[in-house]
Amino acid sequence: MANISYRDIPGITEDEILAIEELQKRTDSFVYGMVPGTEAFEEFGEVRGFAALFCEWLTAMFGIRFVPALYEWGDLVLGLENGEIDFTG
């Protein structure tokens, strides 16, 4: 995977950089919830597929771990509402 940083994003502002750096200090990881399917599936006890690769890329870019996790639809919606899940695809 190529070395890429949020600092390389064209047009990123100093305020946005400072906000990301604050997140890096306060947050160890984010949960990236997905419904099982071709983009996210379990294999050998790990989430695989595009979602897992996307999480690796986000982790490398922002220096904060993005953890892919599988949820059924209702649990995904509830997790987004209550803050258990930070992002979804």
PDB file of N, CA and C in Angstrom:
ATOM      1  N   MET A   1       0.845  -1.171   0.000  1.00  0.00           N
ATOM      2  CA  MET A   1       0.000   0.000   0.000  1.00  0.00           C
ATOM      3  C   MET A   1       0.894   1.239   0.000  1.00  0.00           C
ATOM      4  N   ALA A   2       0.565   2.169  -0.849  1.00  0.00           N
ATOM      5  CA  ALA A   2       1.364   3.384  -0.963  1.00  0.00           C
ATOM      6  C   ALA A   2       1.237   4.228   0.297  1.00  0.00           C
ATOM      7  N   ASN A   3       2.309   4.923   0.624  1.00  0.00           N
ATOM      8  CA  ASN A   3       2.256   5.844   1.761  1.00  0.00           C
ATOM      9  C   ASN A   3       1.431   7.053   1.366  1.00  0.00           C
ATOM     10  N   ILE A   4       0.341   7.258   2.083  1.00  0.00           N
ATOM     11  CA  ILE A   4      -0.527   8.395   1.814  1.00  0.00           C
ATOM     12  C   ILE A   4      -0.927   8.985   3.160  1.00  0.00           C
ATOM     13  N   SER A   5      -1.106  10.272   3.183  1.00  0.00           N
ATOM     14  CA  SER A   5      -1.466  10.956   4.416  1.00  0.00           C
ATOM     15  C   SER A   5      -2.611  11.915   4.135  1.00  0.00           C
ATOM     16  N   TYR A   6      -3.405  12.147   5.158  1.00  0.00           N
ATOM     17  CA  TYR A   6      -4.469  13.147   5.032  1.00  0.00           C
ATOM     18  C   TYR A   6      -3.888  14.508   4.661  1.00  0.00           C
ATOM     19  N   ARG A   7      -2.645  14.735   5.010  1.00  0.00           N
ATOM     20  CA  ARG A   7      -1.996  16.006   4.668  1.00  0.00           C
ATOM     21  C   ARG A   7      -1.798  16.171   3.149  1.00  0.00           C
ATOM     22  N   ASP A   8      -1.870  15.060   2.413  1.00  0.00           N
ATOM     23  CA  ASP A   8      -1.695  15.092   0.959  1.00  0.00           C
ATOM     24  C   ASP A   8      -2.985  15.407   0.205  1.00  0.00           C
ATOM     25  N   ILE A   9      -4.096  15.499   0.910  1.00  0.00           N
ATOM     26  CA  ILE A   9      -5.382  15.744   0.262  1.00  0.00           C
ATOM     27  C   ILE A   9      -5.402  17.182  -0.264  1.00  0.00           C
ATOM     28  N   PRO A  10      -5.616  17.353  -1.563  1.00  0.00           N
ATOM     29  CA  PRO A  10      -5.651  18.718  -2.113  1.00  0.00           C
ATOM     30  C   PRO A  10      -6.738  19.557  -1.435  1.00  0.00           C
ATOM     31  N   GLY A  11      -6.366  20.752  -1.020  1.00  0.00           N
ATOM     32  CA  GLY A  11      -7.319  21.682  -0.439  1.00  0.00           C
ATOM     33  C   GLY A  11      -7.586  21.505   1.041  1.00  0.00           C
ATOM     34  N   ILE A  12      -6.926  20.537   1.689  1.00  0.00           N
ATOM     35  CA  ILE A  12      -7.156  20.368   3.130  1.00  0.00           C
ATOM     36  C   ILE A  12      -6.689  21.627   3.858  1.00  0.00           C
ATOM     37  N   THR A  13      -7.481  22.047   4.822  1.00  0.00           N
ATOM     38  CA  THR A  13      -7.155  23.283   5.530  1.00  0.00           C
ATOM     39  C   THR A  13      -6.389  22.981   6.818  1.00  0.00           C
ATOM     40  N   GLU A  14      -5.774  24.010   7.362  1.00  0.00           N
ATOM     41  CA  GLU A  14      -5.051  23.856   8.626  1.00  0.00           C
ATOM     42  C   GLU A  14      -6.018  23.468   9.745  1.00  0.00           C
ATOM     43  N   ASP A  15      -7.234  24.020   9.737  1.00  0.00           N
ATOM     44  CA  ASP A  15      -8.234  23.657  10.746  1.00  0.00           C
ATOM     45  C   ASP A  15      -8.596  22.175  10.648  1.00  0.00           C
ATOM     46  N   GLU A  16      -8.727  21.654   9.434  1.00  0.00           N
ATOM     47  CA  GLU A  16      -9.036  20.235   9.254  1.00  0.00           C
ATOM     48  C   GLU A  16      -7.879  19.355   9.736  1.00  0.00           C
ATOM     49  N   ILE A  17      -6.665  19.770   9.455  1.00  0.00           N
ATOM     50  CA  ILE A  17      -5.485  19.037   9.938  1.00  0.00           C
ATOM     51  C   ILE A  17      -5.464  19.014  11.460  1.00  0.00           C
ATOM     52  N   LEU A  18      -5.725  20.151  12.085  1.00  0.00           N
ATOM     53  CA  LEU A  18      -5.757  20.220  13.547  1.00  0.00           C
ATOM     54  C   LEU A  18      -6.867  19.342  14.122  1.00  0.00           C
ATOM     55  N   ALA A  19      -8.018  19.308  13.455  1.00  0.00           N
ATOM     56  CA  ALA A  19      -9.126  18.464  13.918  1.00  0.00           C
ATOM     57  C   ALA A  19      -8.755  16.986  13.846  1.00  0.00           C
ATOM     58  N   ILE A  20      -8.077  16.573  12.780  1.00  0.00           N
ATOM     59  CA  ILE A  20      -7.632  15.182  12.645  1.00  0.00           C
ATOM     60  C   ILE A  20      -6.596  14.862  13.713  1.00  0.00           C
ATOM     61  N   GLU A  21      -5.673  15.770  13.943  1.00  0.00           N
ATOM     62  CA  GLU A  21      -4.653  15.545  14.975  1.00  0.00           C
ATOM     63  C   GLU A  21      -5.287  15.422  16.358  1.00  0.00           C
ATOM     64  N   GLU A  22      -6.349  16.167  16.622  1.00  0.00           N
ATOM     65  CA  GLU A  22      -7.067  16.039  17.894  1.00  0.00           C
ATOM     66  C   GLU A  22      -7.742  14.671  17.994  1.00  0.00           C
ATOM     67  N   LEU A  23      -8.346  14.215  16.895  1.00  0.00           N
ATOM     68  CA  LEU A  23      -8.934  12.875  16.882  1.00  0.00           C
ATOM     69  C   LEU A  23      -7.875  11.807  17.144  1.00  0.00           C
ATOM     70  N   GLN A  24      -6.699  11.972  16.568  1.00  0.00           N
ATOM     71  CA  GLN A  24      -5.613  11.015  16.777  1.00  0.00           C
ATOM     72  C   GLN A  24      -5.238  10.920  18.257  1.00  0.00           C
ATOM     73  N   LYS A  25      -5.320  12.029  18.967  1.00  0.00           N
ATOM     74  CA  LYS A  25      -4.982  12.043  20.389  1.00  0.00           C
ATOM     75  C   LYS A  25      -6.089  11.401  21.238  1.00  0.00           C
ATOM     76  N   ARG A  26      -7.347  11.575  20.843  1.00  0.00           N
ATOM     77  CA  ARG A  26      -8.480  11.156  21.655  1.00  0.00           C
ATOM     78  C   ARG A  26      -9.041   9.784  21.292  1.00  0.00           C
ATOM     79  N   THR A  27      -8.704   9.272  20.110  1.00  0.00           N
ATOM     80  CA  THR A  27      -9.365   8.076  19.591  1.00  0.00           C
ATOM     81  C   THR A  27      -8.348   7.016  19.202  1.00  0.00           C
ATOM     82  N   ASP A  28      -8.518   5.821  19.742  1.00  0.00           N
ATOM     83  CA  ASP A  28      -7.654   4.702  19.355  1.00  0.00           C
ATOM     84  C   ASP A  28      -8.120   4.054  18.059  1.00  0.00           C
ATOM     85  N   SER A  29      -9.457   4.009  17.864  1.00  0.00           N
ATOM     86  CA  SER A  29      -9.981   3.333  16.677  1.00  0.00           C
ATOM     87  C   SER A  29     -11.409   3.775  16.403  1.00  0.00           C
ATOM     88  N   PHE A  30     -11.842   3.494  15.187  1.00  0.00           N
ATOM     89  CA  PHE A  30     -13.219   3.692  14.750  1.00  0.00           C
ATOM     90  C   PHE A  30     -13.773   2.347  14.307  1.00  0.00           C
ATOM     91  N   VAL A  31     -15.067   2.139  14.526  1.00  0.00           N
ATOM     92  CA  VAL A  31     -15.734   0.935  14.040  1.00  0.00           C
ATOM     93  C   VAL A  31     -16.387   1.264  12.700  1.00  0.00           C
ATOM     94  N   TYR A  32     -16.058   0.447  11.691  1.00  0.00           N
ATOM     95  CA  TYR A  32     -16.628   0.581  10.351  1.00  0.00           C
ATOM     96  C   TYR A  32     -17.588  -0.596  10.164  1.00  0.00           C
ATOM     97  N   GLY A  33     -18.857  -0.367  10.462  1.00  0.00           N
ATOM     98  CA  GLY A  33     -19.850  -1.436  10.416  1.00  0.00           C
ATOM     99  C   GLY A  33     -20.380  -1.688   9.019  1.00  0.00           C
ATOM    100  N   MET A  34     -20.552  -2.961   8.720  1.00  0.00           N
ATOM    101  CA  MET A  34     -21.080  -3.370   7.416  1.00  0.00           C
ATOM    102  C   MET A  34     -22.035  -4.545   7.586  1.00  0.00           C
ATOM    103  N   VAL A  35     -23.021  -4.619   6.713  1.00  0.00           N
ATOM    104  CA  VAL A  35     -23.889  -5.781   6.628  1.00  0.00           C
ATOM    105  C   VAL A  35     -23.121  -6.842   5.835  1.00  0.00           C
ATOM    106  N   PRO A  36     -23.143  -8.104   6.262  1.00  0.00           N
ATOM    107  CA  PRO A  36     -22.422  -9.146   5.512  1.00  0.00           C
ATOM    108  C   PRO A  36     -22.883  -9.222   4.061  1.00  0.00           C
ATOM    109  N   GLY A  37     -21.930  -9.383   3.170  1.00  0.00           N
ATOM    110  CA  GLY A  37     -22.201  -9.497   1.736  1.00  0.00           C
ATOM    111  C   GLY A  37     -20.886  -9.622   0.999  1.00  0.00           C
ATOM    112  N   THR A  38     -20.889  -9.300  -0.273  1.00  0.00           N
ATOM    113  CA  THR A  38     -19.670  -9.438  -1.067  1.00  0.00           C
ATOM    114  C   THR A  38     -18.613  -8.407  -0.702  1.00  0.00           C
ATOM    115  N   GLU A  39     -19.015  -7.256  -0.149  1.00  0.00           N
ATOM    116  CA  GLU A  39     -18.051  -6.221   0.231  1.00  0.00           C
ATOM    117  C   GLU A  39     -17.437  -6.460   1.602  1.00  0.00           C
ATOM    118  N   ALA A  40     -18.120  -7.252   2.426  1.00  0.00           N
ATOM    119  CA  ALA A  40     -17.632  -7.533   3.781  1.00  0.00           C
ATOM    120  C   ALA A  40     -18.154  -8.903   4.197  1.00  0.00           C
ATOM    121  N   PHE A  41     -17.233  -9.808   4.457  1.00  0.00           N
ATOM    122  CA  PHE A  41     -17.605 -11.163   4.839  1.00  0.00           C
ATOM    123  C   PHE A  41     -16.550 -11.712   5.785  1.00  0.00           C
ATOM    124  N   GLU A  42     -16.939 -12.731   6.546  1.00  0.00           N
ATOM    125  CA  GLU A  42     -16.003 -13.332   7.491  1.00  0.00           C
ATOM    126  C   GLU A  42     -15.336 -14.536   6.851  1.00  0.00           C
ATOM    127  N   GLU A  43     -14.026 -14.604   7.020  1.00  0.00           N
ATOM    128  CA  GLU A  43     -13.248 -15.738   6.532  1.00  0.00           C
ATOM    129  C   GLU A  43     -12.127 -15.982   7.532  1.00  0.00           C
ATOM    130  N   PHE A  44     -12.061 -17.188   8.071  1.00  0.00           N
ATOM    131  CA  PHE A  44     -11.045 -17.550   9.056  1.00  0.00           C
ATOM    132  C   PHE A  44     -11.060 -16.599  10.259  1.00  0.00           C
ATOM    133  N   GLY A  45     -12.258 -16.184  10.665  1.00  0.00           N
ATOM    134  CA  GLY A  45     -12.396 -15.340  11.847  1.00  0.00           C
ATOM    135  C   GLY A  45     -12.084 -13.873  11.648  1.00  0.00           C
ATOM    136  N   GLU A  46     -11.863 -13.453  10.409  1.00  0.00           N
ATOM    137  CA  GLU A  46     -11.568 -12.044  10.117  1.00  0.00           C
ATOM    138  C   GLU A  46     -12.522 -11.503   9.069  1.00  0.00           C
ATOM    139  N   VAL A  47     -12.791 -10.205   9.140  1.00  0.00           N
ATOM    140  CA  VAL A  47     -13.586  -9.555   8.105  1.00  0.00           C
ATOM    141  C   VAL A  47     -12.690  -9.353   6.893  1.00  0.00           C
ATOM    142  N   ARG A  48     -13.169  -9.786   5.757  1.00  0.00           N
ATOM    143  CA  ARG A  48     -12.426  -9.656   4.493  1.00  0.00           C
ATOM    144  C   ARG A  48     -13.285  -8.921   3.479  1.00  0.00           C
ATOM    145  N   GLY A  49     -12.723  -8.683   2.309  1.00  0.00           N
ATOM    146  CA  GLY A  49     -13.438  -8.026   1.228  1.00  0.00           C
ATOM    147  C   GLY A  49     -13.034  -6.563   1.110  1.00  0.00           C
ATOM    148  N   PHE A  50     -13.759  -5.843   0.252  1.00  0.00           N
ATOM    149  CA  PHE A  50     -13.449  -4.443  -0.001  1.00  0.00           C
ATOM    150  C   PHE A  50     -13.459  -3.623   1.281  1.00  0.00           C
ATOM    151  N   ALA A  51     -14.432  -3.856   2.163  1.00  0.00           N
ATOM    152  CA  ALA A  51     -14.532  -3.065   3.394  1.00  0.00           C
ATOM    153  C   ALA A  51     -13.266  -3.190   4.235  1.00  0.00           C
ATOM    154  N   ALA A  52     -12.712  -4.387   4.326  1.00  0.00           N
ATOM    155  CA  ALA A  52     -11.478  -4.587   5.096  1.00  0.00           C
ATOM    156  C   ALA A  52     -10.312  -3.852   4.446  1.00  0.00           C
ATOM    157  N   LEU A  53     -10.226  -3.911   3.134  1.00  0.00           N
ATOM    158  CA  LEU A  53      -9.155  -3.203   2.425  1.00  0.00           C
ATOM    159  C   LEU A  53      -9.321  -1.686   2.569  1.00  0.00           C
ATOM    160  N   PHE A  54     -10.562  -1.217   2.505  1.00  0.00           N
ATOM    161  CA  PHE A  54     -10.835   0.211   2.672  1.00  0.00           C
ATOM    162  C   PHE A  54     -10.434   0.669   4.072  1.00  0.00           C
ATOM    163  N   CYS A  55     -10.718  -0.157   5.078  1.00  0.00           N
ATOM    164  CA  CYS A  55     -10.324   0.173   6.456  1.00  0.00           C
ATOM    165  C   CYS A  55      -8.808   0.245   6.591  1.00  0.00           C
ATOM    166  N   GLU A  56      -8.092  -0.659   5.927  1.00  0.00           N
ATOM    167  CA  GLU A  56      -6.623  -0.608   5.946  1.00  0.00           C
ATOM    168  C   GLU A  56      -6.131   0.704   5.346  1.00  0.00           C
ATOM    169  N   TRP A  57      -6.744   1.116   4.248  1.00  0.00           N
ATOM    170  CA  TRP A  57      -6.357   2.353   3.565  1.00  0.00           C
ATOM    171  C   TRP A  57      -6.640   3.568   4.453  1.00  0.00           C
ATOM    172  N   LEU A  58      -7.835   3.603   5.071  1.00  0.00           N
ATOM    173  CA  LEU A  58      -8.171   4.711   5.967  1.00  0.00           C
ATOM    174  C   LEU A  58      -7.222   4.763   7.159  1.00  0.00           C
ATOM    175  N   THR A  59      -6.893   3.600   7.716  1.00  0.00           N
ATOM    176  CA  THR A  59      -5.964   3.520   8.836  1.00  0.00           C
ATOM    177  C   THR A  59      -4.613   4.114   8.458  1.00  0.00           C
ATOM    178  N   ALA A  60      -4.121   3.742   7.278  1.00  0.00           N
ATOM    179  CA  ALA A  60      -2.830   4.256   6.816  1.00  0.00           C
ATOM    180  C   ALA A  60      -2.898   5.769   6.569  1.00  0.00           C
ATOM    181  N   MET A  61      -4.014   6.240   6.028  1.00  0.00           N
ATOM    182  CA  MET A  61      -4.136   7.656   5.694  1.00  0.00           C
ATOM    183  C   MET A  61      -4.237   8.537   6.934  1.00  0.00           C
ATOM    184  N   PHE A  62      -5.037   8.112   7.926  1.00  0.00           N
ATOM    185  CA  PHE A  62      -5.327   8.978   9.067  1.00  0.00           C
ATOM    186  C   PHE A  62      -4.552   8.636  10.331  1.00  0.00           C
ATOM    187  N   GLY A  63      -3.873   7.494  10.355  1.00  0.00           N
ATOM    188  CA  GLY A  63      -3.134   7.124  11.560  1.00  0.00           C
ATOM    189  C   GLY A  63      -4.032   6.780  12.731  1.00  0.00           C
ATOM    190  N   ILE A  64      -5.278   6.437  12.436  1.00  0.00           N
ATOM    191  CA  ILE A  64      -6.254   5.969  13.425  1.00  0.00           C
ATOM    192  C   ILE A  64      -6.788   4.648  12.885  1.00  0.00           C
ATOM    193  N   ARG A  65      -6.851   3.636  13.745  1.00  0.00           N
ATOM    194  CA  ARG A  65      -7.277   2.323  13.282  1.00  0.00           C
ATOM    195  C   ARG A  65      -8.769   2.319  12.958  1.00  0.00           C
ATOM    196  N   PHE A  66      -9.123   1.880  11.763  1.00  0.00           N
ATOM    197  CA  PHE A  66     -10.504   1.671  11.339  1.00  0.00           C
ATOM    198  C   PHE A  66     -10.737   0.167  11.350  1.00  0.00           C
ATOM    199  N   VAL A  67     -11.663  -0.284  12.187  1.00  0.00           N
ATOM    200  CA  VAL A  67     -11.893  -1.710  12.405  1.00  0.00           C
ATOM    201  C   VAL A  67     -13.183  -2.130  11.702  1.00  0.00           C
ATOM    202  N   PRO A  68     -13.086  -3.006  10.695  1.00  0.00           N
ATOM    203  CA  PRO A  68     -14.310  -3.477  10.052  1.00  0.00           C
ATOM    204  C   PRO A  68     -15.040  -4.460  10.959  1.00  0.00           C
ATOM    205  N   ALA A  69     -16.363  -4.350  10.996  1.00  0.00           N
ATOM    206  CA  ALA A  69     -17.185  -5.241  11.819  1.00  0.00           C
ATOM    207  C   ALA A  69     -18.491  -5.534  11.083  1.00  0.00           C
ATOM    208  N   LEU A  70     -18.988  -6.752  11.250  1.00  0.00           N
ATOM    209  CA  LEU A  70     -20.209  -7.179  10.579  1.00  0.00           C
ATOM    210  C   LEU A  70     -21.411  -7.073  11.507  1.00  0.00           C
ATOM    211  N   TYR A  71     -22.519  -6.552  10.981  1.00  0.00           N
ATOM    212  CA  TYR A  71     -23.764  -6.386  11.724  1.00  0.00           C
ATOM    213  C   TYR A  71     -24.931  -6.723  10.814  1.00  0.00           C
ATOM    214  N   GLU A  72     -25.990  -7.236  11.392  1.00  0.00           N
ATOM    215  CA  GLU A  72     -27.241  -7.365  10.663  1.00  0.00           C
ATOM    216  C   GLU A  72     -27.839  -5.964  10.547  1.00  0.00           C
ATOM    217  N   TRP A  73     -28.732  -5.763   9.574  1.00  0.00           N
ATOM    218  CA  TRP A  73     -29.230  -4.430   9.247  1.00  0.00           C
ATOM    219  C   TRP A  73     -29.748  -3.669  10.473  1.00  0.00           C
ATOM    220  N   GLY A  74     -30.633  -4.259  11.244  1.00  0.00           N
ATOM    221  CA  GLY A  74     -31.202  -3.572  12.398  1.00  0.00           C
ATOM    222  C   GLY A  74     -30.151  -3.179  13.422  1.00  0.00           C
ATOM    223  N   ASP A  75     -29.191  -4.065  13.652  1.00  0.00           N
ATOM    224  CA  ASP A  75     -28.111  -3.773  14.595  1.00  0.00           C
ATOM    225  C   ASP A  75     -27.182  -2.681  14.066  1.00  0.00           C
ATOM    226  N   LEU A  76     -26.995  -2.636  12.746  1.00  0.00           N
ATOM    227  CA  LEU A  76     -26.170  -1.595  12.131  1.00  0.00           C
ATOM    228  C   LEU A  76     -26.819  -0.230  12.340  1.00  0.00           C
ATOM    229  N   VAL A  77     -28.103  -0.141  12.065  1.00  0.00           N
ATOM    230  CA  VAL A  77     -28.823   1.124  12.241  1.00  0.00           C
ATOM    231  C   VAL A  77     -28.785   1.560  13.704  1.00  0.00           C
ATOM    232  N   LEU A  78     -29.056   0.625  14.613  1.00  0.00           N
ATOM    233  CA  LEU A  78     -29.032   0.939  16.038  1.00  0.00           C
ATOM    234  C   LEU A  78     -27.640   1.381  16.485  1.00  0.00           C
ATOM    235  N   GLY A  79     -26.605   0.695  16.010  1.00  0.00           N
ATOM    236  CA  GLY A  79     -25.229   1.039  16.367  1.00  0.00           C
ATOM    237  C   GLY A  79     -24.826   2.418  15.873  1.00  0.00           C
ATOM    238  N   LEU A  80     -25.298   2.798  14.696  1.00  0.00           N
ATOM    239  CA  LEU A  80     -25.029   4.148  14.192  1.00  0.00           C
ATOM    240  C   LEU A  80     -25.747   5.190  15.041  1.00  0.00           C
ATOM    241  N   GLU A  81     -26.978   4.871  15.447  1.00  0.00           N
ATOM    242  CA  GLU A  81     -27.755   5.809  16.258  1.00  0.00           C
ATOM    243  C   GLU A  81     -27.165   5.996  17.649  1.00  0.00           C
ATOM    244  N   ASN A  82     -26.663   4.910  18.265  1.00  0.00           N
ATOM    245  CA  ASN A  82     -26.177   5.029  19.637  1.00  0.00           C
ATOM    246  C   ASN A  82     -24.678   5.274  19.739  1.00  0.00           C
ATOM    247  N   GLY A  83     -23.985   5.365  18.603  1.00  0.00           N
ATOM    248  CA  GLY A  83     -22.577   5.698  18.596  1.00  0.00           C
ATOM    249  C   GLY A  83     -21.622   4.513  18.729  1.00  0.00           C
ATOM    250  N   GLU A  84     -22.155   3.281  18.808  1.00  0.00           N
ATOM    251  CA  GLU A  84     -21.313   2.095  18.869  1.00  0.00           C
ATOM    252  C   GLU A  84     -20.535   1.910  17.559  1.00  0.00           C
ATOM    253  N   ILE A  85     -21.167   2.317  16.458  1.00  0.00           N
ATOM    254  CA  ILE A  85     -20.554   2.232  15.125  1.00  0.00           C
ATOM    255  C   ILE A  85     -20.299   3.662  14.654  1.00  0.00           C
ATOM    256  N   ASP A  86     -19.080   3.893  14.170  1.00  0.00           N
ATOM    257  CA  ASP A  86     -18.706   5.249  13.748  1.00  0.00           C
ATOM    258  C   ASP A  86     -18.984   5.519  12.275  1.00  0.00           C
ATOM    259  N   PHE A  87     -18.781   4.513  11.436  1.00  0.00           N
ATOM    260  CA  PHE A  87     -18.920   4.673   9.982  1.00  0.00           C
ATOM    261  C   PHE A  87     -19.529   3.412   9.388  1.00  0.00           C
ATOM    262  N   THR A  88     -20.083   3.562   8.199  1.00  0.00           N
ATOM    263  CA  THR A  88     -20.542   2.416   7.429  1.00  0.00           C
ATOM    264  C   THR A  88     -20.336   2.725   5.951  1.00  0.00           C
ATOM    265  N   GLY A  89     -20.354   1.696   5.155  1.00  0.00           N
ATOM    266  CA  GLY A  89     -20.174   1.862   3.712  1.00  0.00           C
ATOM    267  C   GLY A  89     -21.511   1.808   3.028  1.00  0.00           C
TER     268      GLY A  89
END
